[in-house]
C-alpha cells in the first residue's frame, strides 16, 4: 500500500543512508529528465527593475526597499494573494511603502508603475489596500490596542435615571 511505501521511504531518509548532496543531485536529475522549468517569477524579482525607474536618492530607496520587503513577506503568505500577478503585488507593496513613508507624490508613482507593468489602475489600488489591511492586522497581532479606561463611573444598579434631562 501507499502508506507502507511512504513509511519505508521515510525510514530510509531517517537512517541518513543518503547525503544531502545525493538527494539534491537526484532531484536535479529528475527535474532535468522531465524537462521541468522551476524558475518561477516571484514579486521580489520586480523590485530591482522598478527601482531602476524610480528617481530617488539612495537613502530614500533603501527605506522604501526595506518596507517593500516586509510588506511582500506578509503579502505572499496570504492565500488571497496567490491569484495576484507578482508584478502587481510588488507594485502594490511599493505604493503602500511610499504612502506609509510619505516620501513622494502618489500620483507620480501611480503613473510610473502603471507604465512599467501595464496593469489596470483598479487592480493596483485594490491590491495596495489589501496589503495595507494585511499589514494592519499583523500590527494589531503584535501590538494589541490597550484597553481604554472609562473616565466616568458607570452605575450598574437598576435604579431609574434621576437626571432632569432624561424622562
C-alpha atoms as a PDB file:
ATOM      1  CA  UNK A   1       0.000   0.000   0.000  1.00  0.00           C
ATOM      2  CA  UNK A   2       0.984   3.650  -0.376  1.00  0.00           C
ATOM      3  CA  UNK A   3       1.277   4.157   3.389  1.00  0.00           C
ATOM      4  CA  UNK A   4       3.777   1.306   3.633  1.00  0.00           C
ATOM      5  CA  UNK A   5       5.833   2.774   0.798  1.00  0.00           C
ATOM      6  CA  UNK A   6       5.832   6.189   2.493  1.00  0.00           C
ATOM      7  CA  UNK A   7       6.918   4.628   5.774  1.00  0.00           C
ATOM      8  CA  UNK A   8       9.735   2.781   4.016  1.00  0.00           C
ATOM      9  CA  UNK A   9      10.848   5.955   2.239  1.00  0.00           C
ATOM     10  CA  UNK A  10      10.741   7.931   5.482  1.00  0.00           C
ATOM     11  CA  UNK A  11      12.729   5.198   7.198  1.00  0.00           C
ATOM     12  CA  UNK A  12      15.404   5.377   4.512  1.00  0.00           C
ATOM     13  CA  UNK A  13      15.777   9.137   4.945  1.00  0.00           C
ATOM     14  CA  UNK A  14      15.665   8.909   8.742  1.00  0.00           C
ATOM     15  CA  UNK A  15      18.549   6.488   8.755  1.00  0.00           C
ATOM     16  CA  UNK A  16      20.509   9.029   6.735  1.00  0.00           C
ATOM     17  CA  UNK A  17      21.521   6.493   4.140  1.00  0.00           C
ATOM     18  CA  UNK A  18      21.831   9.324   1.620  1.00  0.00           C
ATOM     19  CA  UNK A  19      23.750  12.540   1.908  1.00  0.00           C
ATOM     20  CA  UNK A  20      22.115  15.886   1.210  1.00  0.00           C
ATOM     21  CA  UNK A  21      24.224  16.171  -1.931  1.00  0.00           C
ATOM     22  CA  UNK A  22      22.984  12.787  -3.214  1.00  0.00           C
ATOM     23  CA  UNK A  23      19.371  13.795  -2.626  1.00  0.00           C
ATOM     24  CA  UNK A  24      19.916  17.154  -4.343  1.00  0.00           C
ATOM     25  CA  UNK A  25      21.645  15.538  -7.333  1.00  0.00           C
ATOM     26  CA  UNK A  26      18.828  13.009  -7.682  1.00  0.00           C
ATOM     27  CA  UNK A  27      16.196  15.744  -7.551  1.00  0.00           C
ATOM     28  CA  UNK A  28      18.123  17.711 -10.151  1.00  0.00           C
ATOM     29  CA  UNK A  29      18.349  14.641 -12.414  1.00  0.00           C
ATOM     30  CA  UNK A  30      14.580  14.092 -12.150  1.00  0.00           C
ATOM     31  CA  UNK A  31      13.836  17.742 -12.945  1.00  0.00           C
ATOM     32  CA  UNK A  32      16.163  17.701 -15.961  1.00  0.00           C
ATOM     33  CA  UNK A  33      14.831  14.351 -17.209  1.00  0.00           C
ATOM     34  CA  UNK A  34      11.234  15.565 -17.011  1.00  0.00           C
ATOM     35  CA  UNK A  35      12.274  18.901 -18.573  1.00  0.00           C
ATOM     36  CA  UNK A  36      10.623  20.938 -15.816  1.00  0.00           C
ATOM     37  CA  UNK A  37      11.267  24.662 -15.636  1.00  0.00           C
ATOM     38  CA  UNK A  38      11.321  25.502 -11.944  1.00  0.00           C
ATOM     39  CA  UNK A  39      12.373  29.114 -12.306  1.00  0.00           C
ATOM     40  CA  UNK A  40       9.118  30.808 -11.364  1.00  0.00           C
ATOM     41  CA  UNK A  41       8.795  34.582 -11.302  1.00  0.00           C
ATOM     42  CA  UNK A  42       8.075  35.970  -7.842  1.00  0.00           C
ATOM     43  CA  UNK A  43       7.260  39.527  -6.688  1.00  0.00           C
ATOM     44  CA  UNK A  44      10.813  40.019  -5.403  1.00  0.00           C
ATOM     45  CA  UNK A  45      12.082  39.719  -8.995  1.00  0.00           C
ATOM     46  CA  UNK A  46      10.414  43.026  -9.884  1.00  0.00           C
ATOM     47  CA  UNK A  47      11.852  45.160  -7.083  1.00  0.00           C
ATOM     48  CA  UNK A  48      15.187  45.904  -8.766  1.00  0.00           C
ATOM     49  CA  UNK A  49      13.562  46.550 -12.151  1.00  0.00           C
ATOM     50  CA  UNK A  50      11.057  49.014 -10.731  1.00  0.00           C
ATOM     51  CA  UNK A  51      13.580  50.854  -8.567  1.00  0.00           C
ATOM     52  CA  UNK A  52      15.699  51.487 -11.662  1.00  0.00           C
ATOM     53  CA  UNK A  53      12.845  53.651 -12.963  1.00  0.00           C
ATOM     54  CA  UNK A  54      12.080  55.491  -9.715  1.00  0.00           C
ATOM     55  CA  UNK A  55      14.332  58.506  -9.357  1.00  0.00           C
ATOM     56  CA  UNK A  56      15.165  58.676  -5.653  1.00  0.00           C
ATOM     57  CA  UNK A  57      18.347  59.090  -3.673  1.00  0.00           C
ATOM     58  CA  UNK A  58      19.954  56.005  -2.127  1.00  0.00           C
ATOM     59  CA  UNK A  59      18.683  56.709   1.395  1.00  0.00           C
ATOM     60  CA  UNK A  60      15.063  57.005   0.299  1.00  0.00           C
ATOM     61  CA  UNK A  61      15.366  53.929  -1.922  1.00  0.00           C
ATOM     62  CA  UNK A  62      16.821  51.933   0.967  1.00  0.00           C
ATOM     63  CA  UNK A  63      13.942  52.949   3.250  1.00  0.00           C
ATOM     64  CA  UNK A  64      11.307  52.075   0.672  1.00  0.00           C
ATOM     65  CA  UNK A  65      13.043  48.832  -0.301  1.00  0.00           C
ATOM     66  CA  UNK A  66      13.156  47.729   3.343  1.00  0.00           C
ATOM     67  CA  UNK A  67       9.439  48.386   3.760  1.00  0.00           C
ATOM     68  CA  UNK A  68       8.635  46.671   0.458  1.00  0.00           C
ATOM     69  CA  UNK A  69      10.452  43.522   1.592  1.00  0.00           C
ATOM     70  CA  UNK A  70       8.446  43.470   4.828  1.00  0.00           C
ATOM     71  CA  UNK A  71       5.148  44.028   3.025  1.00  0.00           C
ATOM     72  CA  UNK A  72       5.941  41.358   0.434  1.00  0.00           C
ATOM     73  CA  UNK A  73       6.860  38.904   3.179  1.00  0.00           C
ATOM     74  CA  UNK A  74       3.453  39.459   4.724  1.00  0.00           C
ATOM     75  CA  UNK A  75       1.611  39.502   1.412  1.00  0.00           C
ATOM     76  CA  UNK A  76       2.959  36.321  -0.132  1.00  0.00           C
ATOM     77  CA  UNK A  77       1.941  34.309   2.924  1.00  0.00           C
ATOM     78  CA  UNK A  78      -1.755  35.085   2.398  1.00  0.00           C
ATOM     79  CA  UNK A  79      -3.986  32.833   0.333  1.00  0.00           C
ATOM     80  CA  UNK A  80      -5.815  35.861  -1.092  1.00  0.00           C
ATOM     81  CA  UNK A  81      -2.670  36.987  -2.898  1.00  0.00           C
ATOM     82  CA  UNK A  82      -1.994  33.717  -4.721  1.00  0.00           C
ATOM     83  CA  UNK A  83      -4.082  34.804  -7.710  1.00  0.00           C
ATOM     84  CA  UNK A  84      -2.457  38.235  -7.989  1.00  0.00           C
ATOM     85  CA  UNK A  85       0.247  38.679 -10.600  1.00  0.00           C
ATOM     86  CA  UNK A  86       3.698  39.025  -8.993  1.00  0.00           C
ATOM     87  CA  UNK A  87       4.293  42.347 -10.762  1.00  0.00           C
ATOM     88  CA  UNK A  88       1.070  43.842  -9.384  1.00  0.00           C
ATOM     89  CA  UNK A  89       1.785  42.524  -5.883  1.00  0.00           C
ATOM     90  CA  UNK A  90       5.257  44.074  -5.956  1.00  0.00           C
ATOM     91  CA  UNK A  91       3.965  47.423  -7.225  1.00  0.00           C
ATOM     92  CA  UNK A  92       1.184  47.445  -4.628  1.00  0.00           C
ATOM     93  CA  UNK A  93       3.775  46.915  -1.890  1.00  0.00           C
ATOM     94  CA  UNK A  94       5.901  49.717  -3.321  1.00  0.00           C
ATOM     95  CA  UNK A  95       2.867  52.041  -3.347  1.00  0.00           C
ATOM     96  CA  UNK A  96       1.966  51.066   0.223  1.00  0.00           C
ATOM     97  CA  UNK A  97       5.549  51.653   1.395  1.00  0.00           C
ATOM     98  CA  UNK A  98       5.743  55.051  -0.300  1.00  0.00           C
ATOM     99  CA  UNK A  99       2.355  56.027   1.120  1.00  0.00           C
ATOM    100  CA  UNK A 100       3.380  54.926   4.612  1.00  0.00           C
ATOM    101  CA  UNK A 101       6.677  56.783   4.457  1.00  0.00           C
ATOM    102  CA  UNK A 102       5.197  59.854   2.681  1.00  0.00           C
ATOM    103  CA  UNK A 103       8.281  60.164   0.508  1.00  0.00           C
ATOM    104  CA  UNK A 104       6.969  61.118  -2.942  1.00  0.00           C
ATOM    105  CA  UNK A 105       3.690  62.072  -4.571  1.00  0.00           C
ATOM    106  CA  UNK A 106       1.378  59.062  -5.004  1.00  0.00           C
ATOM    107  CA  UNK A 107       0.043  60.312  -8.356  1.00  0.00           C
ATOM    108  CA  UNK A 108       3.533  60.421  -9.856  1.00  0.00           C
ATOM    109  CA  UNK A 109       4.323  56.907  -8.688  1.00  0.00           C
ATOM    110  CA  UNK A 110       0.943  55.604  -9.920  1.00  0.00           C
ATOM    111  CA  UNK A 111       1.613  56.724 -13.474  1.00  0.00           C
ATOM    112  CA  UNK A 112       5.132  55.334 -13.428  1.00  0.00           C
ATOM    113  CA  UNK A 113       4.118  51.931 -12.030  1.00  0.00           C
ATOM    114  CA  UNK A 114       1.182  51.582 -14.418  1.00  0.00           C
ATOM    115  CA  UNK A 115       3.510  52.393 -17.313  1.00  0.00           C
ATOM    116  CA  UNK A 116       6.123  49.856 -16.181  1.00  0.00           C
ATOM    117  CA  UNK A 117       3.862  46.857 -15.573  1.00  0.00           C
ATOM    118  CA  UNK A 118       0.951  47.688 -17.907  1.00  0.00           C
ATOM    119  CA  UNK A 119      -1.828  46.865 -15.467  1.00  0.00           C
ATOM    120  CA  UNK A 120      -5.275  48.134 -14.586  1.00  0.00           C
ATOM    121  CA  UNK A 121      -5.222  51.017 -12.080  1.00  0.00           C
ATOM    122  CA  UNK A 122      -8.147  49.494 -10.160  1.00  0.00           C
ATOM    123  CA  UNK A 123      -6.262  46.184  -9.699  1.00  0.00           C
ATOM    124  CA  UNK A 124      -3.209  48.009  -8.416  1.00  0.00           C
ATOM    125  CA  UNK A 125      -5.164  50.137  -5.932  1.00  0.00           C
ATOM    126  CA  UNK A 126      -7.248  47.158  -4.781  1.00  0.00           C
ATOM    127  CA  UNK A 127      -4.102  45.107  -4.165  1.00  0.00           C
ATOM    128  CA  UNK A 128      -2.459  48.015  -2.339  1.00  0.00           C
ATOM    129  CA  UNK A 129      -5.440  48.273   0.011  1.00  0.00           C
ATOM    130  CA  UNK A 130      -5.341  44.533   0.613  1.00  0.00           C
ATOM    131  CA  UNK A 131      -1.636  44.739   1.520  1.00  0.00           C
ATOM    132  CA  UNK A 132      -2.276  47.689   3.850  1.00  0.00           C
ATOM    133  CA  UNK A 133      -5.082  45.774   5.594  1.00  0.00           C
ATOM    134  CA  UNK A 134      -2.873  42.696   5.993  1.00  0.00           C
ATOM    135  CA  UNK A 135      -0.150  44.880   7.479  1.00  0.00           C
ATOM    136  CA  UNK A 136      -2.607  46.499   9.903  1.00  0.00           C
ATOM    137  CA  UNK A 137      -3.806  43.053  11.010  1.00  0.00           C
ATOM    138  CA  UNK A 138      -0.215  41.983  11.629  1.00  0.00           C
ATOM    139  CA  UNK A 139       0.455  45.122  13.651  1.00  0.00           C
ATOM    140  CA  UNK A 140      -2.640  44.527  15.762  1.00  0.00           C
ATOM    141  CA  UNK A 141      -1.465  40.983  16.455  1.00  0.00           C
ATOM    142  CA  UNK A 142       1.948  42.265  17.526  1.00  0.00           C
ATOM    143  CA  UNK A 143       0.811  45.387  19.381  1.00  0.00           C
ATOM    144  CA  UNK A 144      -2.775  44.948  20.580  1.00  0.00           C
ATOM    145  CA  UNK A 145      -4.654  48.136  21.398  1.00  0.00           C
ATOM    146  CA  UNK A 146      -4.613  48.984  25.096  1.00  0.00           C
ATOM    147  CA  UNK A 147      -7.929  48.694  26.872  1.00  0.00           C
ATOM    148  CA  UNK A 148      -9.450  52.105  27.354  1.00  0.00           C
ATOM    149  CA  UNK A 149     -10.489  53.117  30.803  1.00  0.00           C
ATOM    150  CA  UNK A 150     -13.870  54.679  31.244  1.00  0.00           C
ATOM    151  CA  UNK A 151     -13.445  58.166  32.666  1.00  0.00           C
ATOM    152  CA  UNK A 152     -16.940  58.349  34.122  1.00  0.00           C
ATOM    153  CA  UNK A 153     -18.062  55.740  36.638  1.00  0.00           C
ATOM    154  CA  UNK A 154     -20.971  53.720  35.357  1.00  0.00           C
ATOM    155  CA  UNK A 155     -23.711  52.932  37.835  1.00  0.00           C
ATOM    156  CA  UNK A 156     -24.876  49.403  37.196  1.00  0.00           C
ATOM    157  CA  UNK A 157     -27.711  49.497  39.742  1.00  0.00           C
ATOM    158  CA  UNK A 158     -31.200  49.051  38.376  1.00  0.00           C
ATOM    159  CA  UNK A 159     -32.288  52.448  39.651  1.00  0.00           C
ATOM    160  CA  UNK A 160     -34.179  54.760  37.351  1.00  0.00           C
ATOM    161  CA  UNK A 161     -32.286  57.700  35.972  1.00  0.00           C
ATOM    162  CA  UNK A 162     -32.930  60.779  38.119  1.00  0.00           C
ATOM    163  CA  UNK A 163     -31.364  63.203  35.682  1.00  0.00           C
ATOM    164  CA  UNK A 164     -33.593  66.192  34.888  1.00  0.00           C
ATOM    165  CA  UNK A 165     -32.821  65.839  31.147  1.00  0.00           C
ATOM    166  CA  UNK A 166     -33.999  62.257  30.790  1.00  0.00           C
ATOM    167  CA  UNK A 167     -37.652  61.424  31.417  1.00  0.00           C
END
